[in-house]
Amino acid sequence: MKKISKKIGACKQFNEISADMTHIVWDSRSKKAFESSWTDFINKFNLYDNNWLVGLYEEHDRWVPIFLSNSMRST
Protein backbone atom coordinates (compact mmCIF):
# COMPACT_ATOMS: atom_id res chain seq x y z
CA MET A 1 0.00 0.00 0.00
CA LYS A 2 2.94 2.34 0.56
CA LYS A 3 3.84 2.20 -3.13
CA ILE A 4 0.41 3.18 -4.40
CA SER A 5 1.27 6.85 -4.82
CA LYS A 6 4.40 6.01 -6.84
CA LYS A 7 2.64 3.45 -9.00
CA ILE A 8 -0.66 5.16 -9.78
CA GLY A 9 -0.26 8.65 -8.36
CA ALA A 10 -0.42 10.17 -11.83
CA CYS A 11 -4.00 8.94 -12.35
CA LYS A 12 -6.51 11.77 -12.22
CA GLN A 13 -8.71 9.63 -9.95
CA PHE A 14 -5.84 8.82 -7.60
CA ASN A 15 -7.59 9.81 -4.36
CA GLU A 16 -10.65 7.71 -5.13
CA ILE A 17 -8.54 4.78 -6.35
CA SER A 18 -6.39 4.91 -3.23
CA ALA A 19 -9.40 5.10 -0.90
CA ASP A 20 -11.18 2.20 -2.61
CA MET A 21 -8.07 0.05 -2.67
CA THR A 22 -7.37 0.72 1.00
CA HIS A 23 -10.93 -0.23 1.91
CA ILE A 24 -10.80 -3.43 -0.14
CA VAL A 25 -7.45 -4.52 1.29
CA TRP A 26 -8.08 -3.73 4.96
CA ASP A 27 -11.83 -4.16 5.32
CA SER A 28 -12.59 -7.32 3.35
CA ARG A 29 -14.22 -9.79 5.73
CA SER A 30 -13.67 -12.87 3.58
CA LYS A 31 -11.50 -14.06 0.75
CA LYS A 32 -14.51 -14.17 -1.55
CA ALA A 33 -15.44 -10.59 -0.63
CA PHE A 34 -11.89 -9.41 -1.38
CA GLU A 35 -11.82 -11.10 -4.77
CA SER A 36 -15.24 -9.76 -5.75
CA SER A 37 -14.39 -6.24 -4.56
CA TRP A 38 -11.03 -6.32 -6.34
CA THR A 39 -12.71 -7.27 -9.62
CA ASP A 40 -15.26 -4.48 -9.20
CA PHE A 41 -12.42 -2.05 -8.37
CA ILE A 42 -10.46 -2.95 -11.52
CA ASN A 43 -13.64 -2.62 -13.63
CA LYS A 44 -14.72 0.67 -12.02
CA PHE A 45 -11.43 2.41 -12.80
CA ASN A 46 -10.59 0.51 -15.99
CA LEU A 47 -7.26 -0.65 -14.59
CA TYR A 48 -6.95 -3.87 -16.59
CA ASP A 49 -3.64 -2.87 -18.12
CA ASN A 50 -1.93 -1.69 -14.94
CA ASN A 51 0.94 -4.18 -14.59
CA TRP A 52 1.59 -3.24 -10.97
CA LEU A 53 -1.99 -4.03 -9.94
CA VAL A 54 -1.99 -7.23 -11.98
CA GLY A 55 1.17 -8.32 -10.17
CA LEU A 56 -0.26 -7.38 -6.79
CA TYR A 57 -3.34 -9.46 -7.41
CA GLU A 58 -1.26 -12.44 -8.49
CA GLU A 59 0.43 -12.34 -5.07
CA HIS A 60 -2.56 -11.21 -2.99
CA ASP A 61 -2.38 -14.28 -0.78
CA ARG A 62 0.99 -12.99 0.50
CA TRP A 63 -0.05 -9.48 1.53
CA VAL A 64 -3.82 -9.09 1.95
CA PRO A 65 -4.71 -9.40 5.66
CA ILE A 66 -7.71 -11.70 5.17
CA PHE A 67 -5.46 -14.21 3.41
CA LEU A 68 -2.89 -13.96 6.22
CA SER A 69 -5.37 -14.48 9.05
CA ASN A 70 -3.88 -17.86 9.94
CA SER A 71 -0.26 -16.79 9.74
CA MET A 72 1.92 -14.01 11.06
CA ARG A 73 1.42 -10.62 9.47
CA SER A 74 4.31 -8.31 8.76
CA THR A 75 3.98 -4.56 8.84
PDB file of N, CA and C in Angstrom:
ATOM      1  N   MET A   1       0.812  -1.193   0.000  1.00  0.00           N
ATOM      2  CA  MET A   1       0.000   0.000   0.000  1.00  0.00           C
ATOM      3  C   MET A   1       0.856   1.259   0.000  1.00  0.00           C
ATOM      4  N   LYS A   2       2.067   1.164   0.525  1.00  0.00           N
ATOM      5  CA  LYS A   2       2.939   2.339   0.565  1.00  0.00           C
ATOM      6  C   LYS A   2       3.375   2.789  -0.825  1.00  0.00           C
ATOM      7  N   LYS A   3       3.370   1.881  -1.776  1.00  0.00           N
ATOM      8  CA  LYS A   3       3.836   2.204  -3.128  1.00  0.00           C
ATOM      9  C   LYS A   3       2.732   2.738  -4.028  1.00  0.00           C
ATOM     10  N   ILE A   4       1.525   2.796  -3.545  1.00  0.00           N
ATOM     11  CA  ILE A   4       0.411   3.176  -4.404  1.00  0.00           C
ATOM     12  C   ILE A   4       0.595   4.554  -5.018  1.00  0.00           C
ATOM     13  N   SER A   5       1.107   5.506  -4.258  1.00  0.00           N
ATOM     14  CA  SER A   5       1.271   6.851  -4.822  1.00  0.00           C
ATOM     15  C   SER A   5       2.327   6.875  -5.925  1.00  0.00           C
ATOM     16  N   LYS A   6       3.367   6.068  -5.797  1.00  0.00           N
ATOM     17  CA  LYS A   6       4.397   6.006  -6.839  1.00  0.00           C
ATOM     18  C   LYS A   6       3.890   5.304  -8.088  1.00  0.00           C
ATOM     19  N   LYS A   7       3.065   4.288  -7.884  1.00  0.00           N
ATOM     20  CA  LYS A   7       2.642   3.453  -9.001  1.00  0.00           C
ATOM     21  C   LYS A   7       1.442   3.987  -9.762  1.00  0.00           C
ATOM     22  N   ILE A   8       0.522   4.645  -9.077  1.00  0.00           N
ATOM     23  CA  ILE A   8      -0.658   5.157  -9.779  1.00  0.00           C
ATOM     24  C   ILE A   8      -0.988   6.594  -9.394  1.00  0.00           C
ATOM     25  N   GLY A   9      -0.054   7.276  -8.790  1.00  0.00           N
ATOM     26  CA  GLY A   9      -0.264   8.655  -8.359  1.00  0.00           C
ATOM     27  C   GLY A   9      -0.571   9.617  -9.493  1.00  0.00           C
ATOM     28  N   ALA A  10      -0.185   9.283 -10.691  1.00  0.00           N
ATOM     29  CA  ALA A  10      -0.421  10.167 -11.828  1.00  0.00           C
ATOM     30  C   ALA A  10      -1.854  10.082 -12.347  1.00  0.00           C
ATOM     31  N   CYS A  11      -2.606   9.082 -11.917  1.00  0.00           N
ATOM     32  CA  CYS A  11      -3.997   8.942 -12.353  1.00  0.00           C
ATOM     33  C   CYS A  11      -4.826  10.101 -11.824  1.00  0.00           C
ATOM     34  N   LYS A  12      -5.699  10.625 -12.647  1.00  0.00           N
ATOM     35  CA  LYS A  12      -6.510  11.767 -12.219  1.00  0.00           C
ATOM     36  C   LYS A  12      -7.498  11.387 -11.127  1.00  0.00           C
ATOM     37  N   GLN A  13      -7.806  10.112 -10.990  1.00  0.00           N
ATOM     38  CA  GLN A  13      -8.709   9.633  -9.949  1.00  0.00           C
ATOM     39  C   GLN A  13      -7.936   9.016  -8.775  1.00  0.00           C
ATOM     40  N   PHE A  14      -6.705   9.440  -8.591  1.00  0.00           N
ATOM     41  CA  PHE A  14      -5.840   8.816  -7.596  1.00  0.00           C
ATOM     42  C   PHE A  14      -6.470   8.733  -6.206  1.00  0.00           C
ATOM     43  N   ASN A  15      -7.038   9.818  -5.718  1.00  0.00           N
ATOM     44  CA  ASN A  15      -7.593   9.811  -4.361  1.00  0.00           C
ATOM     45  C   ASN A  15      -8.701   8.778  -4.203  1.00  0.00           C
ATOM     46  N   GLU A  16      -9.564   8.694  -5.185  1.00  0.00           N
ATOM     47  CA  GLU A  16     -10.651   7.710  -5.131  1.00  0.00           C
ATOM     48  C   GLU A  16     -10.114   6.286  -5.275  1.00  0.00           C
ATOM     49  N   ILE A  17      -9.163   6.094  -6.169  1.00  0.00           N
ATOM     50  CA  ILE A  17      -8.541   4.776  -6.346  1.00  0.00           C
ATOM     51  C   ILE A  17      -7.871   4.338  -5.053  1.00  0.00           C
ATOM     52  N   SER A  18      -7.102   5.221  -4.466  1.00  0.00           N
ATOM     53  CA  SER A  18      -6.390   4.907  -3.231  1.00  0.00           C
ATOM     54  C   SER A  18      -7.361   4.564  -2.098  1.00  0.00           C
ATOM     55  N   ALA A  19      -8.416   5.347  -1.959  1.00  0.00           N
ATOM     56  CA  ALA A  19      -9.400   5.096  -0.900  1.00  0.00           C
ATOM     57  C   ALA A  19     -10.104   3.758  -1.105  1.00  0.00           C
ATOM     58  N   ASP A  20     -10.512   3.481  -2.333  1.00  0.00           N
ATOM     59  CA  ASP A  20     -11.181   2.205  -2.611  1.00  0.00           C
ATOM     60  C   ASP A  20     -10.252   1.024  -2.363  1.00  0.00           C
ATOM     61  N   MET A  21      -9.025   1.139  -2.839  1.00  0.00           N
ATOM     62  CA  MET A  21      -8.074   0.052  -2.675  1.00  0.00           C
ATOM     63  C   MET A  21      -7.782  -0.201  -1.195  1.00  0.00           C
ATOM     64  N   THR A  22      -7.614   0.859  -0.430  1.00  0.00           N
ATOM     65  CA  THR A  22      -7.367   0.724   1.004  1.00  0.00           C
ATOM     66  C   THR A  22      -8.538   0.013   1.680  1.00  0.00           C
ATOM     67  N   HIS A  23      -9.734   0.405   1.332  1.00  0.00           N
ATOM     68  CA  HIS A  23     -10.930  -0.226   1.906  1.00  0.00           C
ATOM     69  C   HIS A  23     -10.986  -1.710   1.554  1.00  0.00           C
ATOM     70  N   ILE A  24     -10.743  -2.043   0.300  1.00  0.00           N
ATOM     71  CA  ILE A  24     -10.797  -3.433  -0.143  1.00  0.00           C
ATOM     72  C   ILE A  24      -9.752  -4.270   0.590  1.00  0.00           C
ATOM     73  N   VAL A  25      -8.551  -3.767   0.673  1.00  0.00           N
ATOM     74  CA  VAL A  25      -7.453  -4.523   1.286  1.00  0.00           C
ATOM     75  C   VAL A  25      -7.676  -4.724   2.787  1.00  0.00           C
ATOM     76  N   TRP A  26      -8.018  -3.658   3.498  1.00  0.00           N
ATOM     77  CA  TRP A  26      -8.076  -3.732   4.963  1.00  0.00           C
ATOM     78  C   TRP A  26      -9.427  -4.122   5.529  1.00  0.00           C
ATOM     79  N   ASP A  27     -10.495  -3.932   4.762  1.00  0.00           N
ATOM     80  CA  ASP A  27     -11.829  -4.159   5.316  1.00  0.00           C
ATOM     81  C   ASP A  27     -12.562  -5.365   4.755  1.00  0.00           C
ATOM     82  N   SER A  28     -11.937  -6.117   3.877  1.00  0.00           N
ATOM     83  CA  SER A  28     -12.590  -7.319   3.353  1.00  0.00           C
ATOM     84  C   SER A  28     -12.734  -8.335   4.483  1.00  0.00           C
ATOM     85  N   ARG A  29     -13.929  -8.862   4.636  1.00  0.00           N
ATOM     86  CA  ARG A  29     -14.217  -9.789   5.733  1.00  0.00           C
ATOM     87  C   ARG A  29     -14.065 -11.260   5.336  1.00  0.00           C
ATOM     88  N   SER A  30     -13.878 -11.502   4.046  1.00  0.00           N
ATOM     89  CA  SER A  30     -13.672 -12.872   3.582  1.00  0.00           C
ATOM     90  C   SER A  30     -12.838 -12.838   2.310  1.00  0.00           C
ATOM     91  N   LYS A  31     -12.293 -13.971   1.972  1.00  0.00           N
ATOM     92  CA  LYS A  31     -11.502 -14.064   0.748  1.00  0.00           C
ATOM     93  C   LYS A  31     -12.376 -13.813  -0.473  1.00  0.00           C
ATOM     94  N   LYS A  32     -13.583 -14.362  -0.436  1.00  0.00           N
ATOM     95  CA  LYS A  32     -14.509 -14.174  -1.549  1.00  0.00           C
ATOM     96  C   LYS A  32     -14.880 -12.699  -1.704  1.00  0.00           C
ATOM     97  N   ALA A  33     -15.104 -12.019  -0.585  1.00  0.00           N
ATOM     98  CA  ALA A  33     -15.442 -10.593  -0.628  1.00  0.00           C
ATOM     99  C   ALA A  33     -14.283  -9.789  -1.215  1.00  0.00           C
ATOM    100  N   PHE A  34     -13.048 -10.114  -0.814  1.00  0.00           N
ATOM    101  CA  PHE A  34     -11.891  -9.411  -1.376  1.00  0.00           C
ATOM    102  C   PHE A  34     -11.848  -9.591  -2.889  1.00  0.00           C
ATOM    103  N   GLU A  35     -11.947 -10.828  -3.340  1.00  0.00           N
ATOM    104  CA  GLU A  35     -11.819 -11.104  -4.769  1.00  0.00           C
ATOM    105  C   GLU A  35     -12.923 -10.424  -5.578  1.00  0.00           C
ATOM    106  N   SER A  36     -14.131 -10.424  -5.066  1.00  0.00           N
ATOM    107  CA  SER A  36     -15.238  -9.756  -5.746  1.00  0.00           C
ATOM    108  C   SER A  36     -15.024  -8.240  -5.774  1.00  0.00           C
ATOM    109  N   SER A  37     -14.626  -7.684  -4.642  1.00  0.00           N
ATOM    110  CA  SER A  37     -14.393  -6.238  -4.560  1.00  0.00           C
ATOM    111  C   SER A  37     -13.232  -5.818  -5.444  1.00  0.00           C
ATOM    112  N   TRP A  38     -12.190  -6.634  -5.497  1.00  0.00           N
ATOM    113  CA  TRP A  38     -11.026  -6.316  -6.345  1.00  0.00           C
ATOM    114  C   TRP A  38     -11.448  -6.262  -7.812  1.00  0.00           C
ATOM    115  N   THR A  39     -12.227  -7.249  -8.230  1.00  0.00           N
ATOM    116  CA  THR A  39     -12.709  -7.270  -9.619  1.00  0.00           C
ATOM    117  C   THR A  39     -13.546  -6.034  -9.922  1.00  0.00           C
ATOM    118  N   ASP A  40     -14.441  -5.684  -9.011  1.00  0.00           N
ATOM    119  CA  ASP A  40     -15.262  -4.480  -9.196  1.00  0.00           C
ATOM    120  C   ASP A  40     -14.391  -3.223  -9.262  1.00  0.00           C
ATOM    121  N   PHE A  41     -13.367  -3.167  -8.420  1.00  0.00           N
ATOM    122  CA  PHE A  41     -12.420  -2.045  -8.373  1.00  0.00           C
ATOM    123  C   PHE A  41     -11.700  -1.890  -9.720  1.00  0.00           C
ATOM    124  N   ILE A  42     -11.173  -2.976 -10.238  1.00  0.00           N
ATOM    125  CA  ILE A  42     -10.464  -2.947 -11.524  1.00  0.00           C
ATOM    126  C   ILE A  42     -11.417  -2.493 -12.635  1.00  0.00           C
ATOM    127  N   ASN A  43     -12.638  -3.006 -12.621  1.00  0.00           N
ATOM    128  CA  ASN A  43     -13.636  -2.617 -13.625  1.00  0.00           C
ATOM    129  C   ASN A  43     -14.022  -1.149 -13.495  1.00  0.00           C
ATOM    130  N   LYS A  44     -14.272  -0.702 -12.273  1.00  0.00           N
ATOM    131  CA  LYS A  44     -14.718   0.673 -12.024  1.00  0.00           C
ATOM    132  C   LYS A  44     -13.734   1.708 -12.576  1.00  0.00           C
ATOM    133  N   PHE A  45     -12.443   1.453 -12.381  1.00  0.00           N
ATOM    134  CA  PHE A  45     -11.425   2.412 -12.796  1.00  0.00           C
ATOM    135  C   PHE A  45     -10.718   2.027 -14.093  1.00  0.00           C
ATOM    136  N   ASN A  46     -11.169   0.951 -14.721  1.00  0.00           N
ATOM    137  CA  ASN A  46     -10.591   0.508 -15.993  1.00  0.00           C
ATOM    138  C   ASN A  46      -9.076   0.329 -15.876  1.00  0.00           C
ATOM    139  N   LEU A  47      -8.678  -0.460 -14.883  1.00  0.00           N
ATOM    140  CA  LEU A  47      -7.255  -0.649 -14.591  1.00  0.00           C
ATOM    141  C   LEU A  47      -6.728  -2.007 -15.060  1.00  0.00           C
ATOM    142  N   TYR A  48      -7.340  -2.555 -16.075  1.00  0.00           N
ATOM    143  CA  TYR A  48      -6.952  -3.873 -16.588  1.00  0.00           C
ATOM    144  C   TYR A  48      -5.495  -3.951 -17.013  1.00  0.00           C
ATOM    145  N   ASP A  49      -4.987  -2.868 -17.546  1.00  0.00           N
ATOM    146  CA  ASP A  49      -3.643  -2.867 -18.118  1.00  0.00           C
ATOM    147  C   ASP A  49      -2.565  -2.368 -17.159  1.00  0.00           C
ATOM    148  N   ASN A  50      -2.915  -2.166 -15.900  1.00  0.00           N
ATOM    149  CA  ASN A  50      -1.928  -1.693 -14.939  1.00  0.00           C
ATOM    150  C   ASN A  50      -1.124  -2.891 -14.430  1.00  0.00           C
ATOM    151  N   ASN A  51       0.107  -3.021 -14.920  1.00  0.00           N
ATOM    152  CA  ASN A  51       0.935  -4.183 -14.593  1.00  0.00           C
ATOM    153  C   ASN A  51       1.215  -4.314 -13.104  1.00  0.00           C
ATOM    154  N   TRP A  52       1.338  -3.187 -12.409  1.00  0.00           N
ATOM    155  CA  TRP A  52       1.590  -3.236 -10.970  1.00  0.00           C
ATOM    156  C   TRP A  52       0.410  -3.872 -10.240  1.00  0.00           C
ATOM    157  N   LEU A  53      -0.801  -3.453 -10.582  1.00  0.00           N
ATOM    158  CA  LEU A  53      -1.987  -4.026  -9.941  1.00  0.00           C
ATOM    159  C   LEU A  53      -2.188  -5.490 -10.322  1.00  0.00           C
ATOM    160  N   VAL A  54      -1.904  -5.828 -11.558  1.00  0.00           N
ATOM    161  CA  VAL A  54      -1.992  -7.228 -11.981  1.00  0.00           C
ATOM    162  C   VAL A  54      -1.037  -8.076 -11.142  1.00  0.00           C
ATOM    163  N   GLY A  55       0.193  -7.598 -10.979  1.00  0.00           N
ATOM    164  CA  GLY A  55       1.173  -8.319 -10.173  1.00  0.00           C
ATOM    165  C   GLY A  55       0.774  -8.418  -8.718  1.00  0.00           C
ATOM    166  N   LEU A  56       0.213  -7.352  -8.175  1.00  0.00           N
ATOM    167  CA  LEU A  56      -0.264  -7.384  -6.788  1.00  0.00           C
ATOM    168  C   LEU A  56      -1.331  -8.449  -6.604  1.00  0.00           C
ATOM    169  N   TYR A  57      -2.267  -8.477  -7.528  1.00  0.00           N
ATOM    170  CA  TYR A  57      -3.341  -9.458  -7.412  1.00  0.00           C
ATOM    171  C   TYR A  57      -2.793 -10.882  -7.494  1.00  0.00           C
ATOM    172  N   GLU A  58      -1.835 -11.096  -8.358  1.00  0.00           N
ATOM    173  CA  GLU A  58      -1.258 -12.438  -8.489  1.00  0.00           C
ATOM    174  C   GLU A  58      -0.627 -12.918  -7.187  1.00  0.00           C
ATOM    175  N   GLU A  59      -0.201 -11.983  -6.345  1.00  0.00           N
ATOM    176  CA  GLU A  59       0.425 -12.343  -5.074  1.00  0.00           C
ATOM    177  C   GLU A  59      -0.417 -11.934  -3.865  1.00  0.00           C
ATOM    178  N   HIS A  60      -1.720 -11.729  -4.067  1.00  0.00           N
ATOM    179  CA  HIS A  60      -2.560 -11.211  -2.993  1.00  0.00           C
ATOM    180  C   HIS A  60      -2.593 -12.109  -1.754  1.00  0.00           C
ATOM    181  N   ASP A  61      -2.374 -13.382  -1.940  1.00  0.00           N
ATOM    182  CA  ASP A  61      -2.381 -14.280  -0.784  1.00  0.00           C
ATOM    183  C   ASP A  61      -1.179 -14.055   0.133  1.00  0.00           C
ATOM    184  N   ARG A  62      -0.210 -13.271  -0.304  1.00  0.00           N
ATOM    185  CA  ARG A  62       0.985 -12.986   0.500  1.00  0.00           C
ATOM    186  C   ARG A  62       0.922 -11.666   1.250  1.00  0.00           C
ATOM    187  N   TRP A  63      -0.056 -10.803   0.909  1.00  0.00           N
ATOM    188  CA  TRP A  63      -0.048  -9.483   1.526  1.00  0.00           C
ATOM    189  C   TRP A  63      -1.409  -8.960   1.989  1.00  0.00           C
ATOM    190  N   VAL A  64      -2.500  -9.551   1.535  1.00  0.00           N
ATOM    191  CA  VAL A  64      -3.825  -9.086   1.951  1.00  0.00           C
ATOM    192  C   VAL A  64      -4.156  -9.712   3.311  1.00  0.00           C
ATOM    193  N   PRO A  65      -4.487  -8.894   4.299  1.00  0.00           N
ATOM    194  CA  PRO A  65      -4.708  -9.396   5.663  1.00  0.00           C
ATOM    195  C   PRO A  65      -5.664 -10.579   5.777  1.00  0.00           C
ATOM    196  N   ILE A  66      -6.762 -10.595   5.052  1.00  0.00           N
ATOM    197  CA  ILE A  66      -7.710 -11.704   5.172  1.00  0.00           C
ATOM    198  C   ILE A  66      -7.092 -13.027   4.748  1.00  0.00           C
ATOM    199  N   PHE A  67      -6.133 -12.994   3.850  1.00  0.00           N
ATOM    200  CA  PHE A  67      -5.459 -14.210   3.411  1.00  0.00           C
ATOM    201  C   PHE A  67      -4.358 -14.615   4.386  1.00  0.00           C
ATOM    202  N   LEU A  68      -3.941 -13.695   5.242  1.00  0.00           N
ATOM    203  CA  LEU A  68      -2.889 -13.964   6.216  1.00  0.00           C
ATOM    204  C   LEU A  68      -3.445 -14.225   7.608  1.00  0.00           C
ATOM    205  N   SER A  69      -4.742 -14.374   7.737  1.00  0.00           N
ATOM    206  CA  SER A  69      -5.372 -14.480   9.054  1.00  0.00           C
ATOM    207  C   SER A  69      -4.884 -15.673   9.858  1.00  0.00           C
ATOM    208  N   ASN A  70      -4.369 -16.687   9.217  1.00  0.00           N
ATOM    209  CA  ASN A  70      -3.881 -17.859   9.939  1.00  0.00           C
ATOM    210  C   ASN A  70      -2.360 -17.903  10.051  1.00  0.00           C
ATOM    211  N   SER A  71      -1.713 -16.843   9.636  1.00  0.00           N
ATOM    212  CA  SER A  71      -0.264 -16.788   9.738  1.00  0.00           C
ATOM    213  C   SER A  71       0.161 -15.441  10.278  1.00  0.00           C
ATOM    214  N   MET A  72       1.426 -15.290  10.541  1.00  0.00           N
ATOM    215  CA  MET A  72       1.918 -14.015  11.063  1.00  0.00           C
ATOM    216  C   MET A  72       1.846 -12.944   9.988  1.00  0.00           C
ATOM    217  N   ARG A  73       1.465 -11.761  10.389  1.00  0.00           N
ATOM    218  CA  ARG A  73       1.424 -10.618   9.472  1.00  0.00           C
ATOM    219  C   ARG A  73       2.654  -9.771   9.701  1.00  0.00           C
ATOM    220  N   SER A  74       3.197  -9.246   8.616  1.00  0.00           N
ATOM    221  CA  SER A  74       4.313  -8.306   8.761  1.00  0.00           C
ATOM    222  C   SER A  74       3.793  -6.919   8.468  1.00  0.00           C
ATOM    223  N   THR A  75       4.426  -5.936   9.055  1.00  0.00           N
ATOM    224  CA  THR A  75       3.978  -4.560   8.836  1.00  0.00           C
ATOM    225  C   THR A  75       4.896  -3.850   7.882  1.00  0.00           C
TER     226      THR A  75
END
